[in-house]
N, C-alpha and C. Protein backbone atom coordinates (compact mmCIF):
# COMPACT_ATOMS: atom_id res chain seq x y z
N MET A 1 0.84 -1.12 0.07
CA MET A 1 -0.02 0.03 -0.04
C MET A 1 0.83 1.22 -0.03
N ASN A 2 0.69 2.07 -0.96
CA ASN A 2 1.51 3.19 -1.09
C ASN A 2 0.86 4.44 -0.38
N LEU A 3 1.70 5.50 -0.16
CA LEU A 3 1.21 6.65 0.57
C LEU A 3 -0.04 7.38 -0.05
N ALA A 4 -0.09 7.40 -1.29
CA ALA A 4 -1.28 8.00 -1.97
C ALA A 4 -2.60 7.17 -1.60
N SER A 5 -2.59 5.88 -1.64
CA SER A 5 -3.70 5.18 -1.29
C SER A 5 -4.12 5.36 0.17
N ILE A 6 -3.10 5.39 1.04
CA ILE A 6 -3.32 5.63 2.46
C ILE A 6 -4.05 7.04 2.64
N GLY A 7 -3.43 8.01 1.96
CA GLY A 7 -4.08 9.32 2.05
C GLY A 7 -5.52 9.35 1.48
N THR A 8 -5.84 8.77 0.43
CA THR A 8 -7.12 8.68 -0.08
C THR A 8 -8.17 7.97 0.87
N PHE A 9 -7.60 6.87 1.47
CA PHE A 9 -8.40 6.18 2.44
C PHE A 9 -8.79 7.10 3.58
N LEU A 10 -7.80 7.78 4.06
CA LEU A 10 -8.03 8.75 5.25
C LEU A 10 -9.03 9.83 4.82
N ILE A 11 -8.83 10.48 3.68
CA ILE A 11 -9.64 11.51 3.22
C ILE A 11 -11.07 11.03 3.16
N ILE A 12 -11.29 9.79 2.75
CA ILE A 12 -12.66 9.29 2.67
C ILE A 12 -13.28 8.91 3.94
N SER A 13 -12.41 8.30 4.83
CA SER A 13 -12.91 7.73 6.16
C SER A 13 -13.13 8.71 7.25
N ILE A 14 -12.32 9.77 7.28
CA ILE A 14 -12.44 10.76 8.40
C ILE A 14 -13.89 11.47 8.43
N PRO A 15 -14.38 11.94 7.31
CA PRO A 15 -15.76 12.47 7.50
C PRO A 15 -16.76 11.47 7.92
N PHE A 16 -16.81 10.25 7.47
CA PHE A 16 -17.72 9.27 7.93
C PHE A 16 -17.51 9.03 9.39
N PHE A 17 -16.38 9.01 9.88
CA PHE A 17 -16.05 8.79 11.37
C PHE A 17 -16.64 9.96 12.11
N LEU A 18 -16.34 11.19 11.70
CA LEU A 18 -16.80 12.39 12.43
C LEU A 18 -18.38 12.54 12.43
N LEU A 19 -19.01 12.08 11.28
CA LEU A 19 -20.49 12.13 11.26
C LEU A 19 -21.01 11.04 12.20
N THR A 20 -20.39 9.86 12.30
CA THR A 20 -20.87 8.79 13.18
C THR A 20 -20.66 9.31 14.66
N VAL A 21 -19.58 9.95 14.94
CA VAL A 21 -19.49 10.47 16.33
C VAL A 21 -20.51 11.48 16.59
N TRP A 22 -20.83 12.40 15.70
CA TRP A 22 -21.85 13.37 15.87
C TRP A 22 -23.19 12.75 16.16
N ALA A 23 -23.58 11.71 15.37
CA ALA A 23 -24.73 11.00 15.53
C ALA A 23 -24.91 10.31 16.96
N LEU A 24 -23.84 9.67 17.35
CA LEU A 24 -23.78 9.03 18.68
C LEU A 24 -23.86 10.00 19.82
N VAL A 25 -23.24 11.23 19.72
CA VAL A 25 -23.35 12.27 20.76
C VAL A 25 -24.68 12.77 20.82
N ASP A 26 -25.41 12.95 19.61
CA ASP A 26 -26.75 13.50 19.58
C ASP A 26 -27.75 12.57 20.03
N VAL A 27 -27.55 11.27 19.81
CA VAL A 27 -28.41 10.20 20.46
C VAL A 27 -28.34 10.22 21.86
N SER A 28 -27.16 10.40 22.47
CA SER A 28 -26.95 10.34 23.84
C SER A 28 -27.51 11.51 24.54
N LEU A 29 -27.72 12.70 23.88
CA LEU A 29 -28.17 13.89 24.44
C LEU A 29 -29.77 13.98 24.34
N LYS A 30 -30.33 13.00 23.68
CA LYS A 30 -31.82 13.19 23.52
C LYS A 30 -32.59 12.15 24.20
N THR A 31 -33.94 12.38 24.42
CA THR A 31 -34.76 11.27 24.86
C THR A 31 -35.70 10.99 23.72
N PHE A 32 -36.10 9.70 23.59
CA PHE A 32 -37.00 9.36 22.54
C PHE A 32 -38.34 8.81 23.08
N PRO A 33 -39.39 8.93 22.33
CA PRO A 33 -40.76 8.52 22.80
C PRO A 33 -40.97 7.13 23.18
N GLY A 34 -40.40 6.18 22.36
CA GLY A 34 -40.63 4.83 22.53
C GLY A 34 -39.75 4.12 23.54
N LYS A 35 -40.19 3.02 24.22
CA LYS A 35 -39.47 2.32 25.06
C LYS A 35 -38.30 1.53 24.33
N GLY A 36 -37.16 1.66 24.71
CA GLY A 36 -36.02 0.97 24.07
C GLY A 36 -35.60 1.72 22.74
N GLU A 37 -36.17 2.82 22.39
CA GLU A 37 -35.89 3.50 21.04
C GLU A 37 -34.50 4.00 21.07
N LYS A 38 -34.09 4.48 22.20
CA LYS A 38 -32.72 5.09 22.32
C LYS A 38 -31.66 4.04 21.93
N VAL A 39 -31.82 2.85 22.41
CA VAL A 39 -30.86 1.77 22.20
C VAL A 39 -30.90 1.36 20.68
N LEU A 40 -32.08 1.42 20.06
CA LEU A 40 -32.18 1.21 18.69
C LEU A 40 -31.42 2.25 17.84
N TRP A 41 -31.56 3.55 18.25
CA TRP A 41 -30.92 4.54 17.57
C TRP A 41 -29.46 4.50 17.75
N TRP A 42 -28.97 4.14 18.92
CA TRP A 42 -27.53 3.93 19.16
C TRP A 42 -26.97 2.83 18.15
N ILE A 43 -27.64 1.74 18.06
CA ILE A 43 -27.25 0.58 17.09
C ILE A 43 -27.23 1.06 15.66
N ILE A 44 -28.25 1.88 15.30
CA ILE A 44 -28.30 2.35 13.86
C ILE A 44 -27.18 3.39 13.69
N ALA A 45 -26.95 4.26 14.64
CA ALA A 45 -25.92 5.29 14.45
C ALA A 45 -24.54 4.76 14.39
N ILE A 46 -24.31 3.77 14.96
CA ILE A 46 -22.92 3.08 15.03
C ILE A 46 -22.64 2.27 13.81
N THR A 47 -23.71 2.00 13.03
CA THR A 47 -23.40 1.23 11.83
C THR A 47 -22.56 2.04 10.90
N PRO A 48 -21.47 1.34 10.40
CA PRO A 48 -20.47 2.06 9.67
C PRO A 48 -21.02 2.62 8.31
N PHE A 49 -20.68 3.85 7.88
CA PHE A 49 -20.89 4.55 6.66
C PHE A 49 -22.35 5.00 6.46
N ALA A 50 -23.37 4.24 6.83
CA ALA A 50 -24.75 4.59 6.57
C ALA A 50 -25.53 4.85 7.83
N GLY A 51 -25.15 4.51 9.01
CA GLY A 51 -25.90 4.69 10.21
C GLY A 51 -26.18 6.19 10.50
N TRP A 52 -25.20 7.07 10.34
CA TRP A 52 -25.41 8.47 10.64
C TRP A 52 -26.41 9.02 9.75
N LEU A 53 -26.40 8.59 8.52
CA LEU A 53 -27.41 9.17 7.47
C LEU A 53 -28.82 8.64 7.82
N ILE A 54 -28.98 7.42 8.15
CA ILE A 54 -30.32 6.96 8.53
C ILE A 54 -30.78 7.72 9.75
N TYR A 55 -29.94 7.91 10.74
CA TYR A 55 -30.35 8.69 11.94
C TYR A 55 -30.74 10.09 11.59
N LEU A 56 -29.90 10.73 10.76
CA LEU A 56 -30.20 12.05 10.39
C LEU A 56 -31.50 12.27 9.60
N LEU A 57 -31.81 11.32 8.76
CA LEU A 57 -33.06 11.34 7.97
C LEU A 57 -34.25 10.99 8.79
N ILE A 58 -34.18 10.02 9.72
CA ILE A 58 -35.33 9.52 10.48
C ILE A 58 -35.34 9.85 11.91
N GLY A 59 -34.30 9.55 12.59
CA GLY A 59 -34.27 9.68 14.05
C GLY A 59 -33.98 10.98 14.66
N PHE A 60 -33.31 11.88 13.83
CA PHE A 60 -33.00 13.21 14.30
C PHE A 60 -34.24 13.99 14.89
N ARG A 61 -35.32 13.92 14.20
CA ARG A 61 -36.50 14.72 14.62
C ARG A 61 -37.26 14.00 15.68
N ARG A 62 -37.10 12.66 15.85
CA ARG A 62 -37.90 11.93 16.86
C ARG A 62 -37.45 12.25 18.23
N GLY A 63 -36.25 12.53 18.39
CA GLY A 63 -35.80 12.81 19.83
C GLY A 63 -36.01 14.17 20.22
N VAL A 64 -36.01 14.40 21.60
CA VAL A 64 -36.19 15.66 22.24
C VAL A 64 -34.88 15.96 23.05
N LYS A 65 -34.39 17.06 23.00
CA LYS A 65 -33.21 17.40 23.71
C LYS A 65 -33.58 17.37 25.30
N GLN A 66 -32.76 16.82 25.98
CA GLN A 66 -32.92 16.80 27.50
C GLN A 66 -32.60 18.05 28.15
N ASN A 67 -33.23 18.43 29.11
CA ASN A 67 -32.98 19.65 29.91
C ASN A 67 -31.83 19.36 30.82
N PRO A 68 -30.68 20.00 30.65
CA PRO A 68 -29.51 19.66 31.48
C PRO A 68 -29.65 20.06 32.92
N THR A 69 -30.59 21.01 33.21
CA THR A 69 -30.79 21.50 34.64
C THR A 69 -31.71 20.60 35.40
N ALA A 70 -32.48 19.75 34.72
CA ALA A 70 -33.53 18.90 35.45
C ALA A 70 -32.89 17.65 35.90
């Protein structure tokens, strides 16, 4: 594996990694209406490459931000 292919791999992988981390943080900061739904969104969000997109399209609006002072 040469340096150019390693660089290409990193350029492609880093955005997917950051978006996955964002989705996981967002899931952890929200409450969801259904019982066990938070666990389901965790599993979906951690799915490589597509999980963050599924969460963004479907789960992002289902959750409600928790009140940090309560």
